[in-house]
Amino acid sequence: MDLATGGIALFSIMVAAGIIPLIMAFKVKVQGLRILFLLLGLFAIIHGFYHLAFGYQQELLADAVFEPASLILLIGLGAYYSKVGIA
């Protein structure tokens, strides 16, 4: 499997994994869970775009845009979970 095909495959998997929490974010009535699902879904989709850009050898786009954005979402998810999820 070449790099582009691997990037497309990982992108597809991450987007598919991110759509489910986003759908749940719109169906759940509990505000805390809604935000957690939203952050998780956005992280998965943005991280999928990272793999797609890296697969097409766009390292600058992948490393300068998508990696920091997914890292910020992941840290935000952890911080929000530690604030709301445990209580």
PDB file of N, CA and C in Angstrom:
ATOM      1  N   MET A   1       0.853  -1.167   0.000  1.00  0.00           N
ATOM      2  CA  MET A   1       0.000   0.000   0.000  1.00  0.00           C
ATOM      3  C   MET A   1       0.902   1.234   0.000  1.00  0.00           C
ATOM      4  N   ASP A   2       0.677   2.122  -0.939  1.00  0.00           N
ATOM      5  CA  ASP A   2       1.502   3.317  -0.993  1.00  0.00           C
ATOM      6  C   ASP A   2       1.003   4.356   0.007  1.00  0.00           C
ATOM      7  N   LEU A   3       1.738   5.453   0.103  1.00  0.00           N
ATOM      8  CA  LEU A   3       1.471   6.460   1.118  1.00  0.00           C
ATOM      9  C   LEU A   3       0.128   7.148   0.913  1.00  0.00           C
ATOM     10  N   ALA A   4      -0.228   7.457  -0.331  1.00  0.00           N
ATOM     11  CA  ALA A   4      -1.494   8.140  -0.607  1.00  0.00           C
ATOM     12  C   ALA A   4      -2.683   7.235  -0.292  1.00  0.00           C
ATOM     13  N   THR A   5      -2.589   5.974  -0.667  1.00  0.00           N
ATOM     14  CA  THR A   5      -3.682   5.042  -0.391  1.00  0.00           C
ATOM     15  C   THR A   5      -3.846   4.841   1.111  1.00  0.00           C
ATOM     16  N   GLY A   6      -2.744   4.758   1.825  1.00  0.00           N
ATOM     17  CA  GLY A   6      -2.809   4.652   3.276  1.00  0.00           C
ATOM     18  C   GLY A   6      -3.417   5.888   3.910  1.00  0.00           C
ATOM     19  N   GLY A   7      -3.080   7.065   3.373  1.00  0.00           N
ATOM     20  CA  GLY A   7      -3.660   8.308   3.882  1.00  0.00           C
ATOM     21  C   GLY A   7      -5.160   8.365   3.659  1.00  0.00           C
ATOM     22  N   ILE A   8      -5.591   7.914   2.485  1.00  0.00           N
ATOM     23  CA  ILE A   8      -7.027   7.902   2.190  1.00  0.00           C
ATOM     24  C   ILE A   8      -7.744   6.892   3.093  1.00  0.00           C
ATOM     25  N   ALA A   9      -7.132   5.742   3.292  1.00  0.00           N
ATOM     26  CA  ALA A   9      -7.748   4.721   4.151  1.00  0.00           C
ATOM     27  C   ALA A   9      -7.867   5.224   5.589  1.00  0.00           C
ATOM     28  N   LEU A  10      -6.802   5.814   6.123  1.00  0.00           N
ATOM     29  CA  LEU A  10      -6.855   6.336   7.490  1.00  0.00           C
ATOM     30  C   LEU A  10      -7.828   7.500   7.606  1.00  0.00           C
ATOM     31  N   PHE A  11      -7.877   8.348   6.573  1.00  0.00           N
ATOM     32  CA  PHE A  11      -8.836   9.451   6.559  1.00  0.00           C
ATOM     33  C   PHE A  11     -10.262   8.913   6.612  1.00  0.00           C
ATOM     34  N   SER A  12     -10.546   7.900   5.803  1.00  0.00           N
ATOM     35  CA  SER A  12     -11.891   7.325   5.777  1.00  0.00           C
ATOM     36  C   SER A  12     -12.274   6.720   7.118  1.00  0.00           C
ATOM     37  N   ILE A  13     -11.344   6.028   7.730  1.00  0.00           N
ATOM     38  CA  ILE A  13     -11.611   5.407   9.027  1.00  0.00           C
ATOM     39  C   ILE A  13     -11.854   6.469  10.095  1.00  0.00           C
ATOM     40  N   MET A  14     -11.025   7.503  10.114  1.00  0.00           N
ATOM     41  CA  MET A  14     -11.168   8.546  11.133  1.00  0.00           C
ATOM     42  C   MET A  14     -12.453   9.353  10.952  1.00  0.00           C
ATOM     43  N   VAL A  15     -12.809   9.639   9.700  1.00  0.00           N
ATOM     44  CA  VAL A  15     -14.055  10.387   9.458  1.00  0.00           C
ATOM     45  C   VAL A  15     -15.260   9.531   9.844  1.00  0.00           C
ATOM     46  N   ALA A  16     -15.221   8.247   9.501  1.00  0.00           N
ATOM     47  CA  ALA A  16     -16.314   7.361   9.891  1.00  0.00           C
ATOM     48  C   ALA A  16     -16.420   7.271  11.411  1.00  0.00           C
ATOM     49  N   ALA A  17     -15.267   7.235  12.077  1.00  0.00           N
ATOM     50  CA  ALA A  17     -15.277   7.182  13.538  1.00  0.00           C
ATOM     51  C   ALA A  17     -15.700   8.512  14.146  1.00  0.00           C
ATOM     52  N   GLY A  18     -15.519   9.608  13.431  1.00  0.00           N
ATOM     53  CA  GLY A  18     -15.892  10.922  13.947  1.00  0.00           C
ATOM     54  C   GLY A  18     -17.340  11.290  13.708  1.00  0.00           C
ATOM     55  N   ILE A  19     -17.967  10.669  12.711  1.00  0.00           N
ATOM     56  CA  ILE A  19     -19.356  11.000  12.406  1.00  0.00           C
ATOM     57  C   ILE A  19     -20.288  10.507  13.513  1.00  0.00           C
ATOM     58  N   ILE A  20     -19.995   9.356  14.075  1.00  0.00           N
ATOM     59  CA  ILE A  20     -20.867   8.785  15.106  1.00  0.00           C
ATOM     60  C   ILE A  20     -20.955   9.692  16.337  1.00  0.00           C
ATOM     61  N   PRO A  21     -19.844  10.190  16.904  1.00  0.00           N
ATOM     62  CA  PRO A  21     -19.981  11.122  18.039  1.00  0.00           C
ATOM     63  C   PRO A  21     -20.660  12.438  17.651  1.00  0.00           C
ATOM     64  N   LEU A  22     -20.472  12.885  16.405  1.00  0.00           N
ATOM     65  CA  LEU A  22     -21.145  14.116  15.998  1.00  0.00           C
ATOM     66  C   LEU A  22     -22.652  13.929  15.910  1.00  0.00           C
ATOM     67  N   ILE A  23     -23.085  12.783  15.418  1.00  0.00           N
ATOM     68  CA  ILE A  23     -24.521  12.496  15.391  1.00  0.00           C
ATOM     69  C   ILE A  23     -25.061  12.418  16.818  1.00  0.00           C
ATOM     70  N   MET A  24     -24.307  11.767  17.692  1.00  0.00           N
ATOM     71  CA  MET A  24     -24.731  11.665  19.087  1.00  0.00           C
ATOM     72  C   MET A  24     -24.778  13.038  19.760  1.00  0.00           C
ATOM     73  N   ALA A  25     -23.884  13.936  19.354  1.00  0.00           N
ATOM     74  CA  ALA A  25     -23.868  15.277  19.943  1.00  0.00           C
ATOM     75  C   ALA A  25     -25.166  16.023  19.650  1.00  0.00           C
ATOM     76  N   PHE A  26     -25.768  15.762  18.506  1.00  0.00           N
ATOM     77  CA  PHE A  26     -27.009  16.444  18.168  1.00  0.00           C
ATOM     78  C   PHE A  26     -28.240  15.743  18.737  1.00  0.00           C
ATOM     79  N   LYS A  27     -28.126  14.481  19.131  1.00  0.00           N
ATOM     80  CA  LYS A  27     -29.273  13.737  19.650  1.00  0.00           C
ATOM     81  C   LYS A  27     -29.357  13.745  21.170  1.00  0.00           C
ATOM     82  N   VAL A  28     -28.234  13.906  21.845  1.00  0.00           N
ATOM     83  CA  VAL A  28     -28.203  13.850  23.307  1.00  0.00           C
ATOM     84  C   VAL A  28     -28.723  15.162  23.880  1.00  0.00           C
ATOM     85  N   LYS A  29     -29.489  15.053  24.957  1.00  0.00           N
ATOM     86  CA  LYS A  29     -30.051  16.248  25.592  1.00  0.00           C
ATOM     87  C   LYS A  29     -29.172  16.796  26.722  1.00  0.00           C
ATOM     88  N   VAL A  30     -28.288  15.969  27.275  1.00  0.00           N
ATOM     89  CA  VAL A  30     -27.424  16.384  28.385  1.00  0.00           C
ATOM     90  C   VAL A  30     -26.290  17.241  27.829  1.00  0.00           C
ATOM     91  N   GLN A  31     -26.180  18.469  28.329  1.00  0.00           N
ATOM     92  CA  GLN A  31     -25.219  19.436  27.797  1.00  0.00           C
ATOM     93  C   GLN A  31     -23.775  18.959  27.915  1.00  0.00           C
ATOM     94  N   GLY A  32     -23.413  18.354  29.043  1.00  0.00           N
ATOM     95  CA  GLY A  32     -22.039  17.886  29.230  1.00  0.00           C
ATOM     96  C   GLY A  32     -21.654  16.803  28.233  1.00  0.00           C
ATOM     97  N   LEU A  33     -22.539  15.852  28.025  1.00  0.00           N
ATOM     98  CA  LEU A  33     -22.280  14.793  27.046  1.00  0.00           C
ATOM     99  C   LEU A  33     -22.250  15.341  25.630  1.00  0.00           C
ATOM    100  N   ARG A  34     -23.099  16.316  25.360  1.00  0.00           N
ATOM    101  CA  ARG A  34     -23.141  16.918  24.020  1.00  0.00           C
ATOM    102  C   ARG A  34     -21.794  17.536  23.672  1.00  0.00           C
ATOM    103  N   ILE A  35     -21.206  18.254  24.595  1.00  0.00           N
ATOM    104  CA  ILE A  35     -19.917  18.896  24.339  1.00  0.00           C
ATOM    105  C   ILE A  35     -18.805  17.851  24.220  1.00  0.00           C
ATOM    106  N   LEU A  36     -18.843  16.825  25.064  1.00  0.00           N
ATOM    107  CA  LEU A  36     -17.843  15.759  24.972  1.00  0.00           C
ATOM    108  C   LEU A  36     -17.912  15.050  23.622  1.00  0.00           C
ATOM    109  N   PHE A  37     -19.122  14.698  23.166  1.00  0.00           N
ATOM    110  CA  PHE A  37     -19.268  14.051  21.869  1.00  0.00           C
ATOM    111  C   PHE A  37     -18.818  14.971  20.740  1.00  0.00           C
ATOM    112  N   LEU A  38     -19.121  16.253  20.852  1.00  0.00           N
ATOM    113  CA  LEU A  38     -18.720  17.209  19.824  1.00  0.00           C
ATOM    114  C   LEU A  38     -17.197  17.316  19.737  1.00  0.00           C
ATOM    115  N   LEU A  39     -16.540  17.417  20.865  1.00  0.00           N
ATOM    116  CA  LEU A  39     -15.076  17.502  20.864  1.00  0.00           C
ATOM    117  C   LEU A  39     -14.435  16.223  20.335  1.00  0.00           C
ATOM    118  N   LEU A  40     -14.974  15.074  20.711  1.00  0.00           N
ATOM    119  CA  LEU A  40     -14.432  13.800  20.245  1.00  0.00           C
ATOM    120  C   LEU A  40     -14.611  13.646  18.733  1.00  0.00           C
ATOM    121  N   GLY A  41     -15.785  13.984  18.231  1.00  0.00           N
ATOM    122  CA  GLY A  41     -16.033  13.877  16.797  1.00  0.00           C
ATOM    123  C   GLY A  41     -15.178  14.828  15.987  1.00  0.00           C
ATOM    124  N   LEU A  42     -15.051  16.059  16.453  1.00  0.00           N
ATOM    125  CA  LEU A  42     -14.215  17.028  15.730  1.00  0.00           C
ATOM    126  C   LEU A  42     -12.748  16.616  15.747  1.00  0.00           C
ATOM    127  N   PHE A  43     -12.289  16.079  16.880  1.00  0.00           N
ATOM    128  CA  PHE A  43     -10.918  15.595  16.939  1.00  0.00           C
ATOM    129  C   PHE A  43     -10.679  14.501  15.910  1.00  0.00           C
ATOM    130  N   ALA A  44     -11.580  13.537  15.834  1.00  0.00           N
ATOM    131  CA  ALA A  44     -11.402  12.418  14.910  1.00  0.00           C
ATOM    132  C   ALA A  44     -11.381  12.898  13.460  1.00  0.00           C
ATOM    133  N   ILE A  45     -12.253  13.815  13.115  1.00  0.00           N
ATOM    134  CA  ILE A  45     -12.311  14.287  11.729  1.00  0.00           C
ATOM    135  C   ILE A  45     -11.073  15.117  11.385  1.00  0.00           C
ATOM    136  N   ILE A  46     -10.671  16.018  12.263  1.00  0.00           N
ATOM    137  CA  ILE A  46      -9.480  16.831  12.001  1.00  0.00           C
ATOM    138  C   ILE A  46      -8.237  15.942  11.925  1.00  0.00           C
ATOM    139  N   HIS A  47      -8.169  14.925  12.784  1.00  0.00           N
ATOM    140  CA  HIS A  47      -7.026  14.016  12.743  1.00  0.00           C
ATOM    141  C   HIS A  47      -7.050  13.184  11.455  1.00  0.00           C
ATOM    142  N   GLY A  48      -8.225  12.893  10.954  1.00  0.00           N
ATOM    143  CA  GLY A  48      -8.331  12.226   9.660  1.00  0.00           C
ATOM    144  C   GLY A  48      -7.785  13.094   8.540  1.00  0.00           C
ATOM    145  N   PHE A  49      -8.073  14.382   8.594  1.00  0.00           N
ATOM    146  CA  PHE A  49      -7.511  15.299   7.598  1.00  0.00           C
ATOM    147  C   PHE A  49      -5.990  15.374   7.700  1.00  0.00           C
ATOM    148  N   TYR A  50      -5.466  15.239   8.914  1.00  0.00           N
ATOM    149  CA  TYR A  50      -4.014  15.183   9.093  1.00  0.00           C
ATOM    150  C   TYR A  50      -3.437  14.002   8.319  1.00  0.00           C
ATOM    151  N   HIS A  51      -4.052  12.847   8.465  1.00  0.00           N
ATOM    152  CA  HIS A  51      -3.560  11.661   7.758  1.00  0.00           C
ATOM    153  C   HIS A  51      -3.713  11.800   6.246  1.00  0.00           C
ATOM    154  N   LEU A  52      -4.772  12.434   5.808  1.00  0.00           N
ATOM    155  CA  LEU A  52      -4.965  12.642   4.372  1.00  0.00           C
ATOM    156  C   LEU A  52      -3.895  13.570   3.812  1.00  0.00           C
ATOM    157  N   ALA A  53      -3.629  14.667   4.495  1.00  0.00           N
ATOM    158  CA  ALA A  53      -2.601  15.606   4.031  1.00  0.00           C
ATOM    159  C   ALA A  53      -1.219  14.959   4.066  1.00  0.00           C
ATOM    160  N   PHE A  54      -0.942  14.187   5.094  1.00  0.00           N
ATOM    161  CA  PHE A  54       0.352  13.515   5.183  1.00  0.00           C
ATOM    162  C   PHE A  54       0.484  12.446   4.108  1.00  0.00           C
ATOM    163  N   GLY A  55      -0.607  11.779   3.786  1.00  0.00           N
ATOM    164  CA  GLY A  55      -0.582  10.761   2.742  1.00  0.00           C
ATOM    165  C   GLY A  55      -0.291  11.341   1.367  1.00  0.00           C
ATOM    166  N   TYR A  56      -0.745  12.565   1.143  1.00  0.00           N
ATOM    167  CA  TYR A  56      -0.459  13.237  -0.122  1.00  0.00           C
ATOM    168  C   TYR A  56       0.805  14.082  -0.052  1.00  0.00           C
ATOM    169  N   GLN A  57       1.644  13.799   0.924  1.00  0.00           N
ATOM    170  CA  GLN A  57       2.951  14.430   1.110  1.00  0.00           C
ATOM    171  C   GLN A  57       2.873  15.949   1.232  1.00  0.00           C
ATOM    172  N   GLN A  58       1.859  16.407   1.938  1.00  0.00           N
ATOM    173  CA  GLN A  58       1.714  17.823   2.266  1.00  0.00           C
ATOM    174  C   GLN A  58       2.093  17.994   3.740  1.00  0.00           C
ATOM    175  N   GLU A  59       3.368  17.752   4.027  1.00  0.00           N
ATOM    176  CA  GLU A  59       3.822  17.745   5.414  1.00  0.00           C
ATOM    177  C   GLU A  59       3.646  19.088   6.096  1.00  0.00           C
ATOM    178  N   LEU A  60       3.827  20.175   5.351  1.00  0.00           N
ATOM    179  CA  LEU A  60       3.660  21.496   5.956  1.00  0.00           C
ATOM    180  C   LEU A  60       2.215  21.708   6.398  1.00  0.00           C
ATOM    181  N   LEU A  61       1.275  21.364   5.544  1.00  0.00           N
ATOM    182  CA  LEU A  61      -0.142  21.489   5.897  1.00  0.00           C
ATOM    183  C   LEU A  61      -0.493  20.554   7.052  1.00  0.00           C
ATOM    184  N   ALA A  62       0.007  19.338   6.985  1.00  0.00           N
ATOM    185  CA  ALA A  62      -0.305  18.357   8.030  1.00  0.00           C
ATOM    186  C   ALA A  62       0.288  18.774   9.367  1.00  0.00           C
ATOM    187  N   ASP A  63       1.565  19.162   9.359  1.00  0.00           N
ATOM    188  CA  ASP A  63       2.250  19.466  10.614  1.00  0.00           C
ATOM    189  C   ASP A  63       1.934  20.861  11.154  1.00  0.00           C
ATOM    190  N   ALA A  64       1.636  21.819  10.279  1.00  0.00           N
ATOM    191  CA  ALA A  64       1.428  23.195  10.735  1.00  0.00           C
ATOM    192  C   ALA A  64      -0.034  23.524  11.012  1.00  0.00           C
ATOM    193  N   VAL A  65      -0.964  22.789  10.392  1.00  0.00           N
ATOM    194  CA  VAL A  65      -2.379  23.132  10.553  1.00  0.00           C
ATOM    195  C   VAL A  65      -3.144  22.032  11.282  1.00  0.00           C
ATOM    196  N   PHE A  66      -3.145  20.841  10.702  1.00  0.00           N
ATOM    197  CA  PHE A  66      -4.024  19.796  11.225  1.00  0.00           C
ATOM    198  C   PHE A  66      -3.520  19.158  12.512  1.00  0.00           C
ATOM    199  N   GLU A  67      -2.214  18.980  12.654  1.00  0.00           N
ATOM    200  CA  GLU A  67      -1.700  18.377  13.887  1.00  0.00           C
ATOM    201  C   GLU A  67      -1.934  19.278  15.104  1.00  0.00           C
ATOM    202  N   PRO A  68      -1.628  20.585  15.029  1.00  0.00           N
ATOM    203  CA  PRO A  68      -1.922  21.430  16.197  1.00  0.00           C
ATOM    204  C   PRO A  68      -3.421  21.545  16.482  1.00  0.00           C
ATOM    205  N   ALA A  69      -4.239  21.583  15.414  1.00  0.00           N
ATOM    206  CA  ALA A  69      -5.681  21.685  15.630  1.00  0.00           C
ATOM    207  C   ALA A  69      -6.221  20.436  16.315  1.00  0.00           C
ATOM    208  N   SER A  70      -5.766  19.262  15.873  1.00  0.00           N
ATOM    209  CA  SER A  70      -6.241  18.041  16.520  1.00  0.00           C
ATOM    210  C   SER A  70      -5.693  17.919  17.940  1.00  0.00           C
ATOM    211  N   LEU A  71      -4.484  18.381  18.163  1.00  0.00           N
ATOM    212  CA  LEU A  71      -3.915  18.355  19.508  1.00  0.00           C
ATOM    213  C   LEU A  71      -4.687  19.284  20.453  1.00  0.00           C
ATOM    214  N   ILE A  72      -5.065  20.459  19.977  1.00  0.00           N
ATOM    215  CA  ILE A  72      -5.842  21.386  20.790  1.00  0.00           C
ATOM    216  C   ILE A  72      -7.205  20.787  21.135  1.00  0.00           C
ATOM    217  N   LEU A  73      -7.840  20.139  20.150  1.00  0.00           N
ATOM    218  CA  LEU A  73      -9.127  19.499  20.420  1.00  0.00           C
ATOM    219  C   LEU A  73      -8.983  18.343  21.408  1.00  0.00           C
ATOM    220  N   LEU A  74      -7.909  17.569  21.296  1.00  0.00           N
ATOM    221  CA  LEU A  74      -7.697  16.459  22.215  1.00  0.00           C
ATOM    222  C   LEU A  74      -7.425  16.953  23.634  1.00  0.00           C
ATOM    223  N   ILE A  75      -6.634  17.991  23.768  1.00  0.00           N
ATOM    224  CA  ILE A  75      -6.380  18.562  25.086  1.00  0.00           C
ATOM    225  C   ILE A  75      -7.659  19.176  25.656  1.00  0.00           C
ATOM    226  N   GLY A  76      -8.431  19.840  24.785  1.00  0.00           N
ATOM    227  CA  GLY A  76      -9.714  20.385  25.226  1.00  0.00           C
ATOM    228  C   GLY A  76     -10.669  19.303  25.682  1.00  0.00           C
ATOM    229  N   LEU A  77     -10.680  18.183  24.968  1.00  0.00           N
ATOM    230  CA  LEU A  77     -11.521  17.055  25.368  1.00  0.00           C
ATOM    231  C   LEU A  77     -11.098  16.526  26.736  1.00  0.00           C
ATOM    232  N   GLY A  78      -9.798  16.362  26.946  1.00  0.00           N
ATOM    233  CA  GLY A  78      -9.321  15.879  28.233  1.00  0.00           C
ATOM    234  C   GLY A  78      -9.599  16.852  29.362  1.00  0.00           C
ATOM    235  N   ALA A  79      -9.413  18.136  29.099  1.00  0.00           N
ATOM    236  CA  ALA A  79      -9.661  19.146  30.127  1.00  0.00           C
ATOM    237  C   ALA A  79     -11.146  19.225  30.469  1.00  0.00           C
ATOM    238  N   TYR A  80     -11.987  19.174  29.443  1.00  0.00           N
ATOM    239  CA  TYR A  80     -13.426  19.236  29.704  1.00  0.00           C
ATOM    240  C   TYR A  80     -13.907  17.984  30.421  1.00  0.00           C
ATOM    241  N   TYR A  81     -13.362  16.828  30.037  1.00  0.00           N
ATOM    242  CA  TYR A  81     -13.745  15.592  30.718  1.00  0.00           C
ATOM    243  C   TYR A  81     -13.304  15.612  32.176  1.00  0.00           C
ATOM    244  N   SER A  82     -12.114  16.121  32.432  1.00  0.00           N
ATOM    245  CA  SER A  82     -11.650  16.168  33.825  1.00  0.00           C
ATOM    246  C   SER A  82     -12.460  17.149  34.642  1.00  0.00           C
ATOM    247  N   LYS A  83     -13.062  18.143  33.999  1.00  0.00           N
ATOM    248  CA  LYS A  83     -13.871  19.121  34.702  1.00  0.00           C
ATOM    249  C   LYS A  83     -15.291  18.616  34.927  1.00  0.00           C
ATOM    250  N   VAL A  84     -15.896  18.034  33.884  1.00  0.00           N
ATOM    251  CA  VAL A  84     -17.302  17.689  33.922  1.00  0.00           C
ATOM    252  C   VAL A  84     -17.528  16.187  34.073  1.00  0.00           C
ATOM    253  N   GLY A  85     -16.733  15.374  33.395  1.00  0.00           N
ATOM    254  CA  GLY A  85     -16.995  13.949  33.335  1.00  0.00           C
ATOM    255  C   GLY A  85     -16.854  13.214  34.636  1.00  0.00           C
ATOM    256  N   ILE A  86     -15.990  13.669  35.519  1.00  0.00           N
ATOM    257  CA  ILE A  86     -15.751  12.967  36.763  1.00  0.00           C
ATOM    258  C   ILE A  86     -16.786  13.361  37.821  1.00  0.00           C
ATOM    259  N   ALA A  87     -17.277  14.578  37.747  1.00  0.00           N
ATOM    260  CA  ALA A  87     -18.199  15.075  38.764  1.00  0.00           C
ATOM    261  C   ALA A  87     -19.563  14.447  38.703  1.00  0.00           C
TER     262      ALA A  87
END
